[in-house]
PDB file of N, CA and C in Angstrom:
ATOM      1  N   VAL A   1     -38.993  -9.969 -77.326  1.00  0.00           N
ATOM      2  CA  VAL A   1     -37.785 -10.612 -76.772  1.00  0.00           C
ATOM      3  C   VAL A   1     -36.917  -9.565 -76.085  1.00  0.00           C
ATOM      4  N   VAL A   2     -36.699  -9.756 -74.806  1.00  0.00           N
ATOM      5  CA  VAL A   2     -35.897  -8.788 -74.048  1.00  0.00           C
ATOM      6  C   VAL A   2     -34.625  -9.471 -73.549  1.00  0.00           C
ATOM      7  N   ALA A   3     -33.488  -9.019 -74.058  1.00  0.00           N
ATOM      8  CA  ALA A   3     -32.204  -9.613 -73.649  1.00  0.00           C
ATOM      9  C   ALA A   3     -31.628  -8.849 -72.466  1.00  0.00           C
ATOM     10  N   ARG A   4     -31.204  -9.568 -71.428  1.00  0.00           N
ATOM     11  CA  ARG A   4     -30.648  -8.910 -70.249  1.00  0.00           C
ATOM     12  C   ARG A   4     -29.138  -8.799 -70.414  1.00  0.00           C
ATOM     13  N   ASN A   5     -28.704  -7.837 -71.183  1.00  0.00           N
ATOM     14  CA  ASN A   5     -27.281  -7.637 -71.437  1.00  0.00           C
ATOM     15  C   ASN A   5     -26.997  -6.155 -71.613  1.00  0.00           C
ATOM     16  N   ASN A   6     -25.785  -5.821 -71.996  1.00  0.00           N
ATOM     17  CA  ASN A   6     -25.443  -4.417 -72.232  1.00  0.00           C
ATOM     18  C   ASN A   6     -26.313  -3.832 -73.336  1.00  0.00           C
ATOM     19  N   PHE A   7     -26.789  -4.722 -74.198  1.00  0.00           N
ATOM     20  CA  PHE A   7     -27.627  -4.266 -75.315  1.00  0.00           C
ATOM     21  C   PHE A   7     -29.088  -4.582 -75.036  1.00  0.00           C
ATOM     22  N   GLY A   8     -29.464  -4.561 -73.775  1.00  0.00           N
ATOM     23  CA  GLY A   8     -30.857  -4.865 -73.402  1.00  0.00           C
ATOM     24  C   GLY A   8     -31.813  -3.937 -74.118  1.00  0.00           C
ATOM     25  N   THR A   9     -31.544  -2.632 -74.029  1.00  0.00           N
ATOM     26  CA  THR A   9     -32.440  -1.675 -74.696  1.00  0.00           C
ATOM     27  C   THR A   9     -32.247  -1.753 -76.207  1.00  0.00           C
ATOM     28  N   ASP A  10     -31.009  -1.927 -76.631  1.00  0.00           N
ATOM     29  CA  ASP A  10     -30.730  -1.999 -78.071  1.00  0.00           C
ATOM     30  C   ASP A  10     -31.447  -3.200 -78.680  1.00  0.00           C
ATOM     31  N   ARG A  11     -31.488  -4.296 -77.925  1.00  0.00           N
ATOM     32  CA  ARG A  11     -32.110  -5.520 -78.405  1.00  0.00           C
ATOM     33  C   ARG A  11     -33.586  -5.244 -78.731  1.00  0.00           C
ATOM     34  N   ILE A  12     -34.261  -4.539 -77.825  1.00  0.00           N
ATOM     35  CA  ILE A  12     -35.681  -4.245 -78.033  1.00  0.00           C
ATOM     36  C   ILE A  12     -35.859  -3.376 -79.273  1.00  0.00           C
ATOM     37  N   PHE A  13     -34.996  -2.373 -79.403  1.00  0.00           N
ATOM     38  CA  PHE A  13     -35.102  -1.470 -80.549  1.00  0.00           C
ATOM     39  C   PHE A  13     -34.868  -2.231 -81.847  1.00  0.00           C
ATOM     40  N   VAL A  14     -33.912  -3.145 -81.831  1.00  0.00           N
ATOM     41  CA  VAL A  14     -33.612  -3.928 -83.035  1.00  0.00           C
ATOM     42  C   VAL A  14     -34.827  -4.754 -83.435  1.00  0.00           C
ATOM     43  N   THR A  15     -35.460  -5.373 -82.436  1.00  0.00           N
ATOM     44  CA  THR A  15     -36.641  -6.196 -82.728  1.00  0.00           C
ATOM     45  C   THR A  15     -37.748  -5.342 -83.317  1.00  0.00           C
ATOM     46  N   VAL A  16     -37.931  -4.157 -82.762  1.00  0.00           N
ATOM     47  CA  VAL A  16     -38.986  -3.259 -83.253  1.00  0.00           C
ATOM     48  C   VAL A  16     -38.662  -2.808 -84.673  1.00  0.00           C
ATOM     49  N   THR A  17     -37.388  -2.539 -84.915  1.00  0.00           N
ATOM     50  CA  THR A  17     -36.981  -2.084 -86.248  1.00  0.00           C
ATOM     51  C   THR A  17     -37.253  -3.173 -87.284  1.00  0.00           C
ATOM     52  N   ILE A  18     -36.993  -4.414 -86.909  1.00  0.00           N
ATOM     53  CA  ILE A  18     -37.212  -5.527 -87.842  1.00  0.00           C
ATOM     54  C   ILE A  18     -38.715  -5.728 -88.064  1.00  0.00           C
ATOM     55  N   LYS A  19     -39.486  -5.524 -86.981  1.00  0.00           N
ATOM     56  CA  LYS A  19     -40.932  -5.716 -87.082  1.00  0.00           C
ATOM     57  C   LYS A  19     -41.566  -4.594 -87.911  1.00  0.00           C
ATOM     58  N   ILE A  20     -41.109  -3.366 -87.682  1.00  0.00           N
ATOM     59  CA  ILE A  20     -41.671  -2.220 -88.418  1.00  0.00           C
ATOM     60  C   ILE A  20     -40.542  -1.292 -88.875  1.00  0.00           C
ATOM     61  N   PRO A  21     -39.749  -1.759 -89.837  1.00  0.00           N
ATOM     62  CA  PRO A  21     -38.607  -0.982 -90.328  1.00  0.00           C
ATOM     63  C   PRO A  21     -39.077   0.311 -91.003  1.00  0.00           C
ATOM     64  N   LYS A  22     -40.255   0.281 -91.555  1.00  0.00           N
ATOM     65  CA  LYS A  22     -40.770   1.462 -92.248  1.00  0.00           C
ATOM     66  C   LYS A  22     -40.953   2.610 -91.254  1.00  0.00           C
ATOM     67  N   LYS A  23     -41.476   2.286 -90.072  1.00  0.00           N
ATOM     68  CA  LYS A  23     -41.726   3.328 -89.070  1.00  0.00           C
ATOM     69  C   LYS A  23     -40.398   3.875 -88.537  1.00  0.00           C
ATOM     70  N   LYS A  24     -39.413   2.995 -88.403  1.00  0.00           N
ATOM     71  CA  LYS A  24     -38.131   3.456 -87.859  1.00  0.00           C
ATOM     72  C   LYS A  24     -37.346   4.208 -88.929  1.00  0.00           C
ATOM     73  N   GLU A  25     -37.471   3.779 -90.164  1.00  0.00           N
ATOM     74  CA  GLU A  25     -36.748   4.454 -91.259  1.00  0.00           C
ATOM     75  C   GLU A  25     -37.356   5.823 -91.508  1.00  0.00           C
ATOM     76  N   GLU A  26     -38.667   5.904 -91.334  1.00  0.00           N
ATOM     77  CA  GLU A  26     -39.355   7.175 -91.543  1.00  0.00           C
ATOM     78  C   GLU A  26     -38.901   8.133 -90.462  1.00  0.00           C
TER      79      GLU A  26
END
């Protein structure tokens, strides 16, 4: 899901973090 807003990049990162929080937390 890619949101076209000020948080466009943040949105992608958030989705990835939720999908693989272990990889982002590591």
